[in-house]
Amino acid sequence: MDIPVEEIQKIHSKQCSEVELEKRLRGNEIDLTRAKLNADEQMR
């Protein structure tokens, strides 16, 4: 299933907004797990 780039960008933007809100609410205690993507998993 291919997702259009525009839809991925919308999802990414929403996630960034949610992370910013969490940072404001929790301050420095926020603990986010990040994953390193392989080249074939990254958006181009």
PDB file of N, CA and C in Angstrom:
ATOM      1  N   MET A   1       0.842  -1.182   0.000  1.00  0.00           N
ATOM      2  CA  MET A   1       0.000   0.000   0.000  1.00  0.00           C
ATOM      3  C   MET A   1       0.883   1.240   0.000  1.00  0.00           C
ATOM      4  N   ASP A   2       0.738   2.064  -0.990  1.00  0.00           N
ATOM      5  CA  ASP A   2       1.499   3.310  -1.068  1.00  0.00           C
ATOM      6  C   ASP A   2       0.652   4.460  -0.540  1.00  0.00           C
ATOM      7  N   ILE A   3       1.271   5.260   0.303  1.00  0.00           N
ATOM      8  CA  ILE A   3       0.599   6.440   0.850  1.00  0.00           C
ATOM      9  C   ILE A   3       1.159   7.658   0.128  1.00  0.00           C
ATOM     10  N   PRO A   4       0.297   8.551  -0.351  1.00  0.00           N
ATOM     11  CA  PRO A   4       0.789   9.750  -1.038  1.00  0.00           C
ATOM     12  C   PRO A   4       1.679  10.589  -0.110  1.00  0.00           C
ATOM     13  N   VAL A   5       2.689  11.200  -0.691  1.00  0.00           N
ATOM     14  CA  VAL A   5       3.633  12.019   0.078  1.00  0.00           C
ATOM     15  C   VAL A   5       2.908  13.114   0.846  1.00  0.00           C
ATOM     16  N   GLU A   6       1.903  13.707   0.239  1.00  0.00           N
ATOM     17  CA  GLU A   6       1.159  14.777   0.903  1.00  0.00           C
ATOM     18  C   GLU A   6       0.523  14.282   2.197  1.00  0.00           C
ATOM     19  N   GLU A   7       0.006  13.070   2.173  1.00  0.00           N
ATOM     20  CA  GLU A   7      -0.622  12.498   3.371  1.00  0.00           C
ATOM     21  C   GLU A   7       0.429  12.223   4.447  1.00  0.00           C
ATOM     22  N   ILE A   8       1.576  11.740   4.055  1.00  0.00           N
ATOM     23  CA  ILE A   8       2.667  11.500   5.007  1.00  0.00           C
ATOM     24  C   ILE A   8       3.117  12.813   5.628  1.00  0.00           C
ATOM     25  N   GLN A   9       3.192  13.858   4.826  1.00  0.00           N
ATOM     26  CA  GLN A   9       3.586  15.167   5.347  1.00  0.00           C
ATOM     27  C   GLN A   9       2.568  15.689   6.355  1.00  0.00           C
ATOM     28  N   LYS A  10       1.278  15.467   6.093  1.00  0.00           N
ATOM     29  CA  LYS A  10       0.234  15.880   7.037  1.00  0.00           C
ATOM     30  C   LYS A  10       0.376  15.126   8.358  1.00  0.00           C
ATOM     31  N   ILE A  11       0.611  13.824   8.261  1.00  0.00           N
ATOM     32  CA  ILE A  11       0.781  12.998   9.461  1.00  0.00           C
ATOM     33  C   ILE A  11       1.988  13.471  10.255  1.00  0.00           C
ATOM     34  N   HIS A  12       3.091  13.713   9.568  1.00  0.00           N
ATOM     35  CA  HIS A  12       4.315  14.172  10.229  1.00  0.00           C
ATOM     36  C   HIS A  12       4.089  15.507  10.928  1.00  0.00           C
ATOM     37  N   SER A  13       3.419  16.414  10.259  1.00  0.00           N
ATOM     38  CA  SER A  13       3.132  17.726  10.838  1.00  0.00           C
ATOM     39  C   SER A  13       2.273  17.594  12.096  1.00  0.00           C
ATOM     40  N   LYS A  14       1.263  16.745  12.039  1.00  0.00           N
ATOM     41  CA  LYS A  14       0.391  16.523  13.198  1.00  0.00           C
ATOM     42  C   LYS A  14       1.184  15.921  14.352  1.00  0.00           C
ATOM     43  N   GLN A  15       2.052  14.963  14.058  1.00  0.00           N
ATOM     44  CA  GLN A  15       2.864  14.352  15.108  1.00  0.00           C
ATOM     45  C   GLN A  15       3.798  15.374  15.740  1.00  0.00           C
ATOM     46  N   CYS A  16       4.382  16.238  14.936  1.00  0.00           N
ATOM     47  CA  CYS A  16       5.269  17.279  15.470  1.00  0.00           C
ATOM     48  C   CYS A  16       4.498  18.216  16.392  1.00  0.00           C
ATOM     49  N   SER A  17       3.285  18.570  15.998  1.00  0.00           N
ATOM     50  CA  SER A  17       2.448  19.433  16.837  1.00  0.00           C
ATOM     51  C   SER A  17       2.129  18.759  18.165  1.00  0.00           C
ATOM     52  N   GLU A  18       1.834  17.470  18.111  1.00  0.00           N
ATOM     53  CA  GLU A  18       1.526  16.726  19.333  1.00  0.00           C
ATOM     54  C   GLU A  18       2.743  16.639  20.245  1.00  0.00           C
ATOM     55  N   VAL A  19       3.920  16.445  19.662  1.00  0.00           N
ATOM     56  CA  VAL A  19       5.153  16.390  20.451  1.00  0.00           C
ATOM     57  C   VAL A  19       5.410  17.737  21.114  1.00  0.00           C
ATOM     58  N   GLU A  20       5.217  18.819  20.380  1.00  0.00           N
ATOM     59  CA  GLU A  20       5.414  20.158  20.950  1.00  0.00           C
ATOM     60  C   GLU A  20       4.455  20.402  22.112  1.00  0.00           C
ATOM     61  N   LEU A  21       3.215  19.975  21.967  1.00  0.00           N
ATOM     62  CA  LEU A  21       2.240  20.121  23.041  1.00  0.00           C
ATOM     63  C   LEU A  21       2.670  19.322  24.274  1.00  0.00           C
ATOM     64  N   GLU A  22       3.105  18.090  24.064  1.00  0.00           N
ATOM     65  CA  GLU A  22       3.579  17.257  25.177  1.00  0.00           C
ATOM     66  C   GLU A  22       4.768  17.905  25.878  1.00  0.00           C
ATOM     67  N   LYS A  23       5.685  18.476  25.093  1.00  0.00           N
ATOM     68  CA  LYS A  23       6.854  19.138  25.684  1.00  0.00           C
ATOM     69  C   LYS A  23       6.428  20.314  26.548  1.00  0.00           C
ATOM     70  N   ARG A  24       5.435  21.063  26.094  1.00  0.00           N
ATOM     71  CA  ARG A  24       4.948  22.204  26.883  1.00  0.00           C
ATOM     72  C   ARG A  24       4.276  21.736  28.170  1.00  0.00           C
ATOM     73  N   LEU A  25       3.526  20.643  28.075  1.00  0.00           N
ATOM     74  CA  LEU A  25       2.795  20.145  29.240  1.00  0.00           C
ATOM     75  C   LEU A  25       3.709  19.476  30.261  1.00  0.00           C
ATOM     76  N   ARG A  26       4.690  18.716  29.787  1.00  0.00           N
ATOM     77  CA  ARG A  26       5.524  17.914  30.681  1.00  0.00           C
ATOM     78  C   ARG A  26       6.903  18.496  30.946  1.00  0.00           C
ATOM     79  N   GLY A  27       7.327  19.429  30.128  1.00  0.00           N
ATOM     80  CA  GLY A  27       8.657  20.006  30.309  1.00  0.00           C
ATOM     81  C   GLY A  27       9.742  19.006  29.943  1.00  0.00           C
ATOM     82  N   ASN A  28      10.806  18.977  30.742  1.00  0.00           N
ATOM     83  CA  ASN A  28      11.964  18.142  30.421  1.00  0.00           C
ATOM     84  C   ASN A  28      11.764  16.661  30.720  1.00  0.00           C
ATOM     85  N   GLU A  29      10.672  16.300  31.362  1.00  0.00           N
ATOM     86  CA  GLU A  29      10.485  14.900  31.723  1.00  0.00           C
ATOM     87  C   GLU A  29       9.964  14.041  30.566  1.00  0.00           C
ATOM     88  N   ILE A  30       9.702  14.648  29.417  1.00  0.00           N
ATOM     89  CA  ILE A  30       9.203  13.889  28.269  1.00  0.00           C
ATOM     90  C   ILE A  30      10.273  12.907  27.798  1.00  0.00           C
ATOM     91  N   ASP A  31       9.840  11.693  27.489  1.00  0.00           N
ATOM     92  CA  ASP A  31      10.750  10.634  27.059  1.00  0.00           C
ATOM     93  C   ASP A  31      10.225  10.048  25.753  1.00  0.00           C
ATOM     94  N   LEU A  32      10.826  10.455  24.649  1.00  0.00           N
ATOM     95  CA  LEU A  32      10.397   9.973  23.340  1.00  0.00           C
ATOM     96  C   LEU A  32      11.406   8.978  22.794  1.00  0.00           C
ATOM     97  N   THR A  33      10.906   7.865  22.314  1.00  0.00           N
ATOM     98  CA  THR A  33      11.760   6.882  21.672  1.00  0.00           C
ATOM     99  C   THR A  33      11.820   7.209  20.186  1.00  0.00           C
ATOM    100  N   ARG A  34      13.019   7.297  19.670  1.00  0.00           N
ATOM    101  CA  ARG A  34      13.191   7.580  18.243  1.00  0.00           C
ATOM    102  C   ARG A  34      13.839   6.372  17.585  1.00  0.00           C
ATOM    103  N   ALA A  35      13.497   6.154  16.342  1.00  0.00           N
ATOM    104  CA  ALA A  35      14.042   5.024  15.602  1.00  0.00           C
ATOM    105  C   ALA A  35      14.862   5.532  14.430  1.00  0.00           C
ATOM    106  N   LYS A  36      15.977   4.882  14.175  1.00  0.00           N
ATOM    107  CA  LYS A  36      16.806   5.190  13.018  1.00  0.00           C
ATOM    108  C   LYS A  36      16.244   4.413  11.834  1.00  0.00           C
ATOM    109  N   LEU A  37      15.930   5.122  10.755  1.00  0.00           N
ATOM    110  CA  LEU A  37      15.371   4.483   9.572  1.00  0.00           C
ATOM    111  C   LEU A  37      16.473   4.104   8.597  1.00  0.00           C
ATOM    112  N   ASN A  38      16.286   2.975   7.955  1.00  0.00           N
ATOM    113  CA  ASN A  38      17.187   2.584   6.876  1.00  0.00           C
ATOM    114  C   ASN A  38      16.891   3.454   5.661  1.00  0.00           C
ATOM    115  N   ALA A  39      17.825   3.527   4.743  1.00  0.00           N
ATOM    116  CA  ALA A  39      17.665   4.373   3.556  1.00  0.00           C
ATOM    117  C   ALA A  39      16.383   4.038   2.790  1.00  0.00           C
ATOM    118  N   ASP A  40      16.029   2.756   2.721  1.00  0.00           N
ATOM    119  CA  ASP A  40      14.839   2.369   1.963  1.00  0.00           C
ATOM    120  C   ASP A  40      13.532   2.678   2.705  1.00  0.00           C
ATOM    121  N   GLU A  41      13.613   3.082   3.969  1.00  0.00           N
ATOM    122  CA  GLU A  41      12.427   3.419   4.750  1.00  0.00           C
ATOM    123  C   GLU A  41      12.176   4.927   4.819  1.00  0.00           C
ATOM    124  N   GLN A  42      13.135   5.719   4.394  1.00  0.00           N
ATOM    125  CA  GLN A  42      13.045   7.167   4.524  1.00  0.00           C
ATOM    126  C   GLN A  42      12.235   7.782   3.393  1.00  0.00           C
ATOM    127  N   MET A  43      11.608   8.933   3.709  1.00  0.00           N
ATOM    128  CA  MET A  43      10.905   9.692   2.670  1.00  0.00           C
ATOM    129  C   MET A  43      11.930  10.359   1.772  1.00  0.00           C
ATOM    130  N   ARG A  44      11.602  10.456   0.528  1.00  0.00           N
ATOM    131  CA  ARG A  44      12.513  11.128  -0.408  1.00  0.00           C
ATOM    132  C   ARG A  44      11.830  12.258  -1.068  1.00  0.00           C
TER     133      ARG A  44
END
